[in-house]
Amino acid sequence: MNVATNIVSCKKHSEQVRKIYLGFKKLNNTYGHLRLDITCRRALALDCFSFKSILSILEKGLDKQPFVVPICTATPPDHDNLCGSQYYCQST
């Protein structure tokens, strides 16, 4: 699934879809196909499917920056109110 499909699937009226299409066409003319493609791939990885998000990535030049998907490696702090996986395996 691509960004355009995700955006269009959220729209209820054909006029909204037409405006999104024209917006993408304008972005393609302004920034070029390669930059728009890279931006859409980044938007898919970040699950941000709004036209404003895509425009913001292009305007700020984030498509030219290396993209690293953040991986959360932090463990939750020890706390009395936190239950581990064993808690949910107990039969009552």
Protein backbone atom coordinates (compact mmCIF):
# COMPACT_ATOMS: atom_id res chain seq x y z
CA MET A 1 0.00 0.00 0.00
CA ASN A 2 1.33 3.46 -0.78
CA VAL A 3 0.89 6.90 0.76
CA ALA A 4 -1.54 8.15 -1.87
CA THR A 5 -3.79 5.13 -1.35
CA ASN A 6 -3.80 5.70 2.41
CA ILE A 7 -4.66 9.37 2.06
CA VAL A 8 -7.34 8.79 -0.57
CA SER A 9 -8.96 5.98 1.43
CA CYS A 10 -9.64 8.47 4.26
CA LYS A 11 -11.46 10.92 1.98
CA LYS A 12 -15.20 10.66 1.53
CA HIS A 13 -15.81 12.96 -1.41
CA SER A 14 -14.40 12.88 -4.90
CA GLU A 15 -13.52 16.58 -4.69
CA GLN A 16 -11.17 15.84 -1.79
CA VAL A 17 -9.53 13.08 -3.79
CA ARG A 18 -9.11 15.42 -6.76
CA LYS A 19 -7.43 18.04 -4.58
CA ILE A 20 -5.04 15.45 -3.15
CA TYR A 21 -4.18 14.30 -6.67
CA LEU A 22 -3.49 17.89 -7.75
CA GLY A 23 -1.41 18.45 -4.62
CA PHE A 24 0.77 15.43 -5.35
CA LYS A 25 1.11 16.54 -8.95
CA LYS A 26 2.28 19.96 -7.78
CA LEU A 27 4.75 18.39 -5.33
CA ASN A 28 6.10 16.21 -8.13
CA ASN A 29 6.58 19.27 -10.37
CA THR A 30 8.16 21.32 -7.57
CA TYR A 31 10.43 18.76 -5.88
CA GLY A 32 10.82 16.05 -8.51
CA HIS A 33 9.82 12.43 -8.65
CA LEU A 34 12.86 11.08 -6.77
CA ARG A 35 12.47 13.37 -3.75
CA LEU A 36 8.73 12.75 -3.61
CA ASP A 37 9.28 8.99 -3.76
CA ILE A 38 11.84 9.10 -0.93
CA THR A 39 9.52 11.27 1.12
CA CYS A 40 6.60 8.90 0.63
CA ARG A 41 8.75 5.96 1.72
CA ARG A 42 9.71 7.87 4.87
CA ALA A 43 6.06 8.74 5.52
CA LEU A 44 5.12 5.06 5.20
CA ALA A 45 7.82 4.06 7.67
CA LEU A 46 6.60 6.69 10.14
CA ASP A 47 2.88 5.98 9.56
CA CYS A 48 2.21 9.65 8.82
CA PHE A 49 -0.14 9.78 5.88
CA SER A 50 -1.25 13.38 5.78
CA PHE A 51 -0.45 15.66 2.89
CA LYS A 52 0.84 18.25 5.37
CA SER A 53 3.34 15.75 6.77
CA ILE A 54 4.68 14.97 3.31
CA LEU A 55 4.90 18.65 2.44
CA SER A 56 6.71 19.35 5.71
CA ILE A 57 9.29 16.62 5.07
CA LEU A 58 9.98 18.08 1.63
CA GLU A 59 10.11 21.72 2.78
CA LYS A 60 12.53 20.94 5.61
CA GLY A 61 14.71 18.76 3.40
CA LEU A 62 14.33 15.74 5.68
CA ASP A 63 14.20 13.52 2.60
CA LYS A 64 17.88 14.38 2.07
CA GLN A 65 18.84 13.33 5.60
CA PRO A 66 19.67 9.74 6.50
CA PHE A 67 16.64 8.00 7.91
CA VAL A 68 17.05 5.68 10.85
CA VAL A 69 13.99 4.04 12.34
CA PRO A 70 14.25 4.51 16.10
CA ILE A 71 14.30 1.27 18.05
CA CYS A 72 13.26 1.40 21.66
CA THR A 73 15.73 -0.68 23.65
CA ALA A 74 14.97 0.82 27.02
CA THR A 75 13.50 -1.52 29.58
CA PRO A 76 10.69 -0.35 31.81
CA PRO A 77 11.75 0.72 35.29
CA ASP A 78 11.22 -1.63 38.22
CA HIS A 79 8.05 -0.64 39.98
CA ASP A 80 5.64 -2.44 42.29
CA ASN A 81 2.63 -1.62 40.12
CA LEU A 82 4.10 -3.14 36.94
CA CYS A 83 3.13 -6.74 36.19
CA GLY A 84 5.30 -9.00 34.12
CA SER A 85 4.19 -11.49 31.48
CA GLN A 86 3.97 -14.20 34.15
CA TYR A 87 1.09 -12.35 35.79
CA TYR A 88 -1.14 -12.84 32.77
CA CYS A 89 -0.31 -16.54 32.49
CA GLN A 90 -1.60 -17.30 35.99
CA SER A 91 -4.93 -19.07 36.18
CA THR A 92 -7.32 -17.73 38.77
